[in-house]
Amino acid sequence: MSALPKKAANLTVRADLLEEARAYKINLSQTLETALAVELKKRREAEWLEQNREAIAAYGRLVEREGLLSDSYRSFMRGED
């Protein structure tokens, strides 16, 4: 499996953070990639939820009205042992 291509980027970082990161030998590129991946995942999830909000709400109303198909198989919900 080959690594994804990388591209150089110029960033501005607080001097104290950069100094401390260097003292701890933190790989800045890897740290940024990891942080960006986490942030992008959160943004994609939020965007998906927003795009699907109406469908999710409609499904919730359907389940509220009709129940779940599996309801008849869930004896623990009916108080049976």
PDB file of N, CA and C in Angstrom:
ATOM      1  N   MET A   1       0.846  -1.181   0.000  1.00  0.00           N
ATOM      2  CA  MET A   1       0.000   0.000   0.000  1.00  0.00           C
ATOM      3  C   MET A   1       0.887   1.239   0.000  1.00  0.00           C
ATOM      4  N   SER A   2       0.669   2.127  -0.939  1.00  0.00           N
ATOM      5  CA  SER A   2       1.516   3.312  -1.026  1.00  0.00           C
ATOM      6  C   SER A   2       0.931   4.455  -0.209  1.00  0.00           C
ATOM      7  N   ALA A   3       1.825   5.307   0.255  1.00  0.00           N
ATOM      8  CA  ALA A   3       1.406   6.463   1.051  1.00  0.00           C
ATOM      9  C   ALA A   3       0.734   7.485   0.150  1.00  0.00           C
ATOM     10  N   LEU A   4      -0.198   8.206   0.704  1.00  0.00           N
ATOM     11  CA  LEU A   4      -0.852   9.267  -0.050  1.00  0.00           C
ATOM     12  C   LEU A   4       0.143  10.395  -0.299  1.00  0.00           C
ATOM     13  N   PRO A   5       0.002  11.101  -1.413  1.00  0.00           N
ATOM     14  CA  PRO A   5       0.937  12.191  -1.696  1.00  0.00           C
ATOM     15  C   PRO A   5       0.807  13.305  -0.660  1.00  0.00           C
ATOM     16  N   LYS A   6       1.906  13.961  -0.420  1.00  0.00           N
ATOM     17  CA  LYS A   6       1.923  15.062   0.548  1.00  0.00           C
ATOM     18  C   LYS A   6       2.257  16.351  -0.178  1.00  0.00           C
ATOM     19  N   LYS A   7       1.891  17.453   0.434  1.00  0.00           N
ATOM     20  CA  LYS A   7       2.142  18.763  -0.149  1.00  0.00           C
ATOM     21  C   LYS A   7       2.629  19.682   0.956  1.00  0.00           C
ATOM     22  N   ALA A   8       3.641  20.455   0.664  1.00  0.00           N
ATOM     23  CA  ALA A   8       4.191  21.388   1.645  1.00  0.00           C
ATOM     24  C   ALA A   8       3.186  22.508   1.921  1.00  0.00           C
ATOM     25  N   ALA A   9       3.172  22.968   3.163  1.00  0.00           N
ATOM     26  CA  ALA A   9       2.287  24.069   3.562  1.00  0.00           C
ATOM     27  C   ALA A   9       3.039  24.965   4.537  1.00  0.00           C
ATOM     28  N   ASN A  10       2.866  26.247   4.394  1.00  0.00           N
ATOM     29  CA  ASN A  10       3.462  27.204   5.327  1.00  0.00           C
ATOM     30  C   ASN A  10       2.429  27.568   6.377  1.00  0.00           C
ATOM     31  N   LEU A  11       2.814  27.472   7.640  1.00  0.00           N
ATOM     32  CA  LEU A  11       1.900  27.747   8.744  1.00  0.00           C
ATOM     33  C   LEU A  11       2.519  28.744   9.694  1.00  0.00           C
ATOM     34  N   THR A  12       1.673  29.419  10.413  1.00  0.00           N
ATOM     35  CA  THR A  12       2.118  30.298  11.484  1.00  0.00           C
ATOM     36  C   THR A  12       1.635  29.684  12.789  1.00  0.00           C
ATOM     37  N   VAL A  13       2.572  29.494  13.713  1.00  0.00           N
ATOM     38  CA  VAL A  13       2.279  28.846  14.986  1.00  0.00           C
ATOM     39  C   VAL A  13       2.855  29.711  16.100  1.00  0.00           C
ATOM     40  N   ARG A  14       2.172  29.733  17.239  1.00  0.00           N
ATOM     41  CA  ARG A  14       2.715  30.468  18.386  1.00  0.00           C
ATOM     42  C   ARG A  14       4.121  29.984  18.691  1.00  0.00           C
ATOM     43  N   ALA A  15       5.030  30.906  18.918  1.00  0.00           N
ATOM     44  CA  ALA A  15       6.442  30.589  19.129  1.00  0.00           C
ATOM     45  C   ALA A  15       6.651  29.669  20.332  1.00  0.00           C
ATOM     46  N   ASP A  16       5.915  29.908  21.419  1.00  0.00           N
ATOM     47  CA  ASP A  16       6.099  29.074  22.610  1.00  0.00           C
ATOM     48  C   ASP A  16       5.681  27.632  22.365  1.00  0.00           C
ATOM     49  N   LEU A  17       4.600  27.452  21.604  1.00  0.00           N
ATOM     50  CA  LEU A  17       4.151  26.098  21.288  1.00  0.00           C
ATOM     51  C   LEU A  17       5.156  25.387  20.389  1.00  0.00           C
ATOM     52  N   LEU A  18       5.664  26.103  19.413  1.00  0.00           N
ATOM     53  CA  LEU A  18       6.642  25.511  18.504  1.00  0.00           C
ATOM     54  C   LEU A  18       7.910  25.115  19.248  1.00  0.00           C
ATOM     55  N   GLU A  19       8.370  25.987  20.132  1.00  0.00           N
ATOM     56  CA  GLU A  19       9.575  25.699  20.909  1.00  0.00           C
ATOM     57  C   GLU A  19       9.386  24.456  21.784  1.00  0.00           C
ATOM     58  N   GLU A  20       8.257  24.380  22.458  1.00  0.00           N
ATOM     59  CA  GLU A  20       8.005  23.231  23.326  1.00  0.00           C
ATOM     60  C   GLU A  20       7.824  21.950  22.513  1.00  0.00           C
ATOM     61  N   ALA A  21       7.141  22.042  21.388  1.00  0.00           N
ATOM     62  CA  ALA A  21       6.958  20.876  20.526  1.00  0.00           C
ATOM     63  C   ALA A  21       8.302  20.356  20.032  1.00  0.00           C
ATOM     64  N   ARG A  22       9.170  21.256  19.675  1.00  0.00           N
ATOM     65  CA  ARG A  22      10.515  20.847  19.234  1.00  0.00           C
ATOM     66  C   ARG A  22      11.290  20.213  20.383  1.00  0.00           C
ATOM     67  N   ALA A  23      11.141  20.742  21.585  1.00  0.00           N
ATOM     68  CA  ALA A  23      11.834  20.176  22.748  1.00  0.00           C
ATOM     69  C   ALA A  23      11.375  18.739  22.992  1.00  0.00           C
ATOM     70  N   TYR A  24      10.103  18.467  22.745  1.00  0.00           N
ATOM     71  CA  TYR A  24       9.561  17.119  22.910  1.00  0.00           C
ATOM     72  C   TYR A  24       9.719  16.266  21.648  1.00  0.00           C
ATOM     73  N   LYS A  25      10.350  16.843  20.635  1.00  0.00           N
ATOM     74  CA  LYS A  25      10.561  16.153  19.356  1.00  0.00           C
ATOM     75  C   LYS A  25       9.242  15.670  18.731  1.00  0.00           C
ATOM     76  N   ILE A  26       8.248  16.516  18.801  1.00  0.00           N
ATOM     77  CA  ILE A  26       6.942  16.215  18.211  1.00  0.00           C
ATOM     78  C   ILE A  26       7.017  16.425  16.707  1.00  0.00           C
ATOM     79  N   ASN A  27       6.552  15.440  15.965  1.00  0.00           N
ATOM     80  CA  ASN A  27       6.500  15.539  14.512  1.00  0.00           C
ATOM     81  C   ASN A  27       5.324  16.455  14.162  1.00  0.00           C
ATOM     82  N   LEU A  28       5.623  17.668  13.764  1.00  0.00           N
ATOM     83  CA  LEU A  28       4.573  18.658  13.509  1.00  0.00           C
ATOM     84  C   LEU A  28       3.675  18.249  12.343  1.00  0.00           C
ATOM     85  N   SER A  29       4.261  17.713  11.292  1.00  0.00           N
ATOM     86  CA  SER A  29       3.452  17.309  10.132  1.00  0.00           C
ATOM     87  C   SER A  29       2.453  16.225  10.516  1.00  0.00           C
ATOM     88  N   GLN A  30       2.929  15.209  11.223  1.00  0.00           N
ATOM     89  CA  GLN A  30       2.045  14.109  11.626  1.00  0.00           C
ATOM     90  C   GLN A  30       0.975  14.593  12.601  1.00  0.00           C
ATOM     91  N   THR A  31       1.371  15.463  13.521  1.00  0.00           N
ATOM     92  CA  THR A  31       0.417  15.994  14.497  1.00  0.00           C
ATOM     93  C   THR A  31      -0.676  16.798  13.798  1.00  0.00           C
ATOM     94  N   LEU A  32      -0.285  17.621  12.838  1.00  0.00           N
ATOM     95  CA  LEU A  32      -1.270  18.404  12.095  1.00  0.00           C
ATOM     96  C   LEU A  32      -2.170  17.498  11.270  1.00  0.00           C
ATOM     97  N   GLU A  33      -1.593  16.505  10.591  1.00  0.00           N
ATOM     98  CA  GLU A  33      -2.408  15.578   9.807  1.00  0.00           C
ATOM     99  C   GLU A  33      -3.447  14.883  10.678  1.00  0.00           C
ATOM    100  N   THR A  34      -3.027  14.425  11.846  1.00  0.00           N
ATOM    101  CA  THR A  34      -3.945  13.737  12.758  1.00  0.00           C
ATOM    102  C   THR A  34      -5.052  14.686  13.220  1.00  0.00           C
ATOM    103  N   ALA A  35      -4.674  15.891  13.619  1.00  0.00           N
ATOM    104  CA  ALA A  35      -5.669  16.871  14.082  1.00  0.00           C
ATOM    105  C   ALA A  35      -6.626  17.259  12.959  1.00  0.00           C
ATOM    106  N   LEU A  36      -6.099  17.419  11.752  1.00  0.00           N
ATOM    107  CA  LEU A  36      -6.960  17.758  10.618  1.00  0.00           C
ATOM    108  C   LEU A  36      -7.924  16.625  10.298  1.00  0.00           C
ATOM    109  N   ALA A  37      -7.440  15.392  10.361  1.00  0.00           N
ATOM    110  CA  ALA A  37      -8.308  14.248  10.088  1.00  0.00           C
ATOM    111  C   ALA A  37      -9.459  14.202  11.089  1.00  0.00           C
ATOM    112  N   VAL A  38      -9.168  14.445  12.359  1.00  0.00           N
ATOM    113  CA  VAL A  38     -10.205  14.447  13.397  1.00  0.00           C
ATOM    114  C   VAL A  38     -11.208  15.576  13.139  1.00  0.00           C
ATOM    115  N   GLU A  39     -10.713  16.763  12.868  1.00  0.00           N
ATOM    116  CA  GLU A  39     -11.587  17.915  12.634  1.00  0.00           C
ATOM    117  C   GLU A  39     -12.442  17.716  11.383  1.00  0.00           C
ATOM    118  N   LEU A  40     -11.839  17.206  10.320  1.00  0.00           N
ATOM    119  CA  LEU A  40     -12.597  16.976   9.091  1.00  0.00           C
ATOM    120  C   LEU A  40     -13.674  15.921   9.294  1.00  0.00           C
ATOM    121  N   LYS A  41     -13.381  14.887  10.055  1.00  0.00           N
ATOM    122  CA  LYS A  41     -14.384  13.858  10.348  1.00  0.00           C
ATOM    123  C   LYS A  41     -15.563  14.463  11.095  1.00  0.00           C
ATOM    124  N   LYS A  42     -15.282  15.301  12.095  1.00  0.00           N
ATOM    125  CA  LYS A  42     -16.359  15.969  12.846  1.00  0.00           C
ATOM    126  C   LYS A  42     -17.198  16.836  11.920  1.00  0.00           C
ATOM    127  N   ARG A  43     -16.547  17.579  11.034  1.00  0.00           N
ATOM    128  CA  ARG A  43     -17.279  18.465  10.119  1.00  0.00           C
ATOM    129  C   ARG A  43     -18.125  17.664   9.138  1.00  0.00           C
ATOM    130  N   ARG A  44     -17.570  16.558   8.597  1.00  0.00           N
ATOM    131  CA  ARG A  44     -18.334  15.726   7.666  1.00  0.00           C
ATOM    132  C   ARG A  44     -19.545  15.116   8.364  1.00  0.00           C
ATOM    133  N   GLU A  45     -19.362  14.665   9.599  1.00  0.00           N
ATOM    134  CA  GLU A  45     -20.478  14.086  10.348  1.00  0.00           C
ATOM    135  C   GLU A  45     -21.567  15.125  10.599  1.00  0.00           C
ATOM    136  N   ALA A  46     -21.165  16.324  10.991  1.00  0.00           N
ATOM    137  CA  ALA A  46     -22.140  17.395  11.231  1.00  0.00           C
ATOM    138  C   ALA A  46     -22.873  17.752   9.942  1.00  0.00           C
ATOM    139  N   GLU A  47     -22.143  17.802   8.835  1.00  0.00           N
ATOM    140  CA  GLU A  47     -22.755  18.114   7.542  1.00  0.00           C
ATOM    141  C   GLU A  47     -23.751  17.017   7.144  1.00  0.00           C
ATOM    142  N   TRP A  48     -23.364  15.745   7.351  1.00  0.00           N
ATOM    143  CA  TRP A  48     -24.248  14.634   7.017  1.00  0.00           C
ATOM    144  C   TRP A  48     -25.525  14.706   7.853  1.00  0.00           C
ATOM    145  N   LEU A  49     -25.367  14.963   9.155  1.00  0.00           N
ATOM    146  CA  LEU A  49     -26.545  15.068  10.018  1.00  0.00           C
ATOM    147  C   LEU A  49     -27.466  16.185   9.569  1.00  0.00           C
ATOM    148  N   GLU A  50     -26.889  17.318   9.194  1.00  0.00           N
ATOM    149  CA  GLU A  50     -27.694  18.448   8.726  1.00  0.00           C
ATOM    150  C   GLU A  50     -28.421  18.077   7.430  1.00  0.00           C
ATOM    151  N   GLN A  51     -27.721  17.436   6.513  1.00  0.00           N
ATOM    152  CA  GLN A  51     -28.323  17.065   5.234  1.00  0.00           C
ATOM    153  C   GLN A  51     -29.414  16.017   5.407  1.00  0.00           C
ATOM    154  N   ASN A  52     -29.318  15.218   6.442  1.00  0.00           N
ATOM    155  CA  ASN A  52     -30.264  14.115   6.642  1.00  0.00           C
ATOM    156  C   ASN A  52     -31.220  14.339   7.808  1.00  0.00           C
ATOM    157  N   ARG A  53     -31.207  15.540   8.368  1.00  0.00           N
ATOM    158  CA  ARG A  53     -32.045  15.838   9.528  1.00  0.00           C
ATOM    159  C   ARG A  53     -33.516  15.525   9.290  1.00  0.00           C
ATOM    160  N   GLU A  54     -34.027  15.926   8.150  1.00  0.00           N
ATOM    161  CA  GLU A  54     -35.450  15.718   7.863  1.00  0.00           C
ATOM    162  C   GLU A  54     -35.783  14.224   7.768  1.00  0.00           C
ATOM    163  N   ALA A  55     -34.930  13.457   7.098  1.00  0.00           N
ATOM    164  CA  ALA A  55     -35.176  12.017   6.961  1.00  0.00           C
ATOM    165  C   ALA A  55     -35.083  11.328   8.317  1.00  0.00           C
ATOM    166  N   ILE A  56     -34.136  11.728   9.143  1.00  0.00           N
ATOM    167  CA  ILE A  56     -33.997  11.136  10.475  1.00  0.00           C
ATOM    168  C   ILE A  56     -35.225  11.437  11.323  1.00  0.00           C
ATOM    169  N   ALA A  57     -35.700  12.672  11.249  1.00  0.00           N
ATOM    170  CA  ALA A  57     -36.898  13.049  12.004  1.00  0.00           C
ATOM    171  C   ALA A  57     -38.115  12.283  11.501  1.00  0.00           C
ATOM    172  N   ALA A  58     -38.232  12.122  10.180  1.00  0.00           N
ATOM    173  CA  ALA A  58     -39.366  11.391   9.611  1.00  0.00           C
ATOM    174  C   ALA A  58     -39.330   9.927  10.060  1.00  0.00           C
ATOM    175  N   TYR A  59     -38.150   9.337  10.079  1.00  0.00           N
ATOM    176  CA  TYR A  59     -38.026   7.953  10.537  1.00  0.00           C
ATOM    177  C   TYR A  59     -38.402   7.851  12.017  1.00  0.00           C
ATOM    178  N   GLY A  60     -37.972   8.819  12.808  1.00  0.00           N
ATOM    179  CA  GLY A  60     -38.329   8.828  14.225  1.00  0.00           C
ATOM    180  C   GLY A  60     -39.836   8.891  14.427  1.00  0.00           C
ATOM    181  N   ARG A  61     -40.512   9.709  13.617  1.00  0.00           N
ATOM    182  CA  ARG A  61     -41.970   9.797  13.706  1.00  0.00           C
ATOM    183  C   ARG A  61     -42.625   8.479  13.294  1.00  0.00           C
ATOM    184  N   LEU A  62     -42.091   7.834  12.265  1.00  0.00           N
ATOM    185  CA  LEU A  62     -42.617   6.548  11.816  1.00  0.00           C
ATOM    186  C   LEU A  62     -42.470   5.495  12.907  1.00  0.00           C
ATOM    187  N   VAL A  63     -41.326   5.434  13.533  1.00  0.00           N
ATOM    188  CA  VAL A  63     -41.096   4.465  14.609  1.00  0.00           C
ATOM    189  C   VAL A  63     -42.014   4.766  15.784  1.00  0.00           C
ATOM    190  N   GLU A  64     -42.191   6.040  16.082  1.00  0.00           N
ATOM    191  CA  GLU A  64     -43.085   6.432  17.181  1.00  0.00           C
ATOM    192  C   GLU A  64     -44.514   5.973  16.895  1.00  0.00           C
ATOM    193  N   ARG A  65     -44.927   6.135  15.663  1.00  0.00           N
ATOM    194  CA  ARG A  65     -46.296   5.799  15.275  1.00  0.00           C
ATOM    195  C   ARG A  65     -46.491   4.289  15.093  1.00  0.00           C
ATOM    196  N   GLU A  66     -45.561   3.627  14.409  1.00  0.00           N
ATOM    197  CA  GLU A  66     -45.739   2.230  14.021  1.00  0.00           C
ATOM    198  C   GLU A  66     -44.961   1.245  14.895  1.00  0.00           C
ATOM    199  N   GLY A  67     -43.963   1.738  15.614  1.00  0.00           N
ATOM    200  CA  GLY A  67     -43.087   0.846  16.363  1.00  0.00           C
ATOM    201  C   GLY A  67     -42.033   0.235  15.446  1.00  0.00           C
ATOM    202  N   LEU A  68     -41.204  -0.599  16.018  1.00  0.00           N
ATOM    203  CA  LEU A  68     -40.163  -1.269  15.248  1.00  0.00           C
ATOM    204  C   LEU A  68     -40.629  -2.648  14.822  1.00  0.00           C
ATOM    205  N   LEU A  69     -40.137  -3.120  13.698  1.00  0.00           N
ATOM    206  CA  LEU A  69     -40.462  -4.444  13.213  1.00  0.00           C
ATOM    207  C   LEU A  69     -40.082  -5.492  14.256  1.00  0.00           C
ATOM    208  N   SER A  70     -39.022  -5.267  14.971  1.00  0.00           N
ATOM    209  CA  SER A  70     -38.538  -6.240  15.953  1.00  0.00           C
ATOM    210  C   SER A  70     -39.281  -6.187  17.288  1.00  0.00           C
ATOM    211  N   ASP A  71     -40.199  -5.269  17.467  1.00  0.00           N
ATOM    212  CA  ASP A  71     -40.883  -5.130  18.753  1.00  0.00           C
ATOM    213  C   ASP A  71     -41.562  -6.429  19.210  1.00  0.00           C
ATOM    214  N   SER A  72     -42.137  -7.171  18.281  1.00  0.00           N
ATOM    215  CA  SER A  72     -42.849  -8.391  18.666  1.00  0.00           C
ATOM    216  C   SER A  72     -41.900  -9.499  19.119  1.00  0.00           C
ATOM    217  N   TYR A  73     -40.614  -9.367  18.832  1.00  0.00           N
ATOM    218  CA  TYR A  73     -39.626 -10.375  19.215  1.00  0.00           C
ATOM    219  C   TYR A  73     -38.886 -10.019  20.497  1.00  0.00           C
ATOM    220  N   ARG A  74     -39.143  -8.851  21.037  1.00  0.00           N
ATOM    221  CA  ARG A  74     -38.409  -8.383  22.201  1.00  0.00           C
ATOM    222  C   ARG A  74     -39.249  -8.597  23.455  1.00  0.00           C
ATOM    223  N   SER A  75     -39.186  -9.797  24.020  1.00  0.00           N
ATOM    224  CA  SER A  75     -40.003 -10.124  25.188  1.00  0.00           C
ATOM    225  C   SER A  75     -39.619  -9.302  26.390  1.00  0.00           C
ATOM    226  N   PHE A  76     -38.357  -8.914  26.536  1.00  0.00           N
ATOM    227  CA  PHE A  76     -37.929  -8.137  27.697  1.00  0.00           C
ATOM    228  C   PHE A  76     -38.606  -6.772  27.761  1.00  0.00           C
ATOM    229  N   MET A  77     -39.091  -6.274  26.620  1.00  0.00           N
ATOM    230  CA  MET A  77     -39.784  -4.983  26.593  1.00  0.00           C
ATOM    231  C   MET A  77     -41.228  -5.130  27.061  1.00  0.00           C
ATOM    232  N   ARG A  78     -41.763  -6.340  27.012  1.00  0.00           N
ATOM    233  CA  ARG A  78     -43.160  -6.554  27.415  1.00  0.00           C
ATOM    234  C   ARG A  78     -43.246  -7.028  28.851  1.00  0.00           C
ATOM    235  N   GLY A  79     -42.119  -7.139  29.529  1.00  0.00           N
ATOM    236  CA  GLY A  79     -42.126  -7.579  30.905  1.00  0.00           C
ATOM    237  C   GLY A  79     -42.171  -9.086  31.073  1.00  0.00           C
ATOM    238  N   GLU A  80     -42.003  -9.826  29.973  1.00  0.00           N
ATOM    239  CA  GLU A  80     -41.996 -11.287  30.043  1.00  0.00           C
ATOM    240  C   GLU A  80     -40.606 -11.769  30.362  1.00  0.00           C
ATOM    241  N   ASP A  81     -40.514 -12.858  31.069  1.00  0.00           N
ATOM    242  CA  ASP A  81     -39.197 -13.443  31.371  1.00  0.00           C
ATOM    243  C   ASP A  81     -39.028 -14.763  30.694  1.00  0.00           C
TER     244      ASP A  81
END
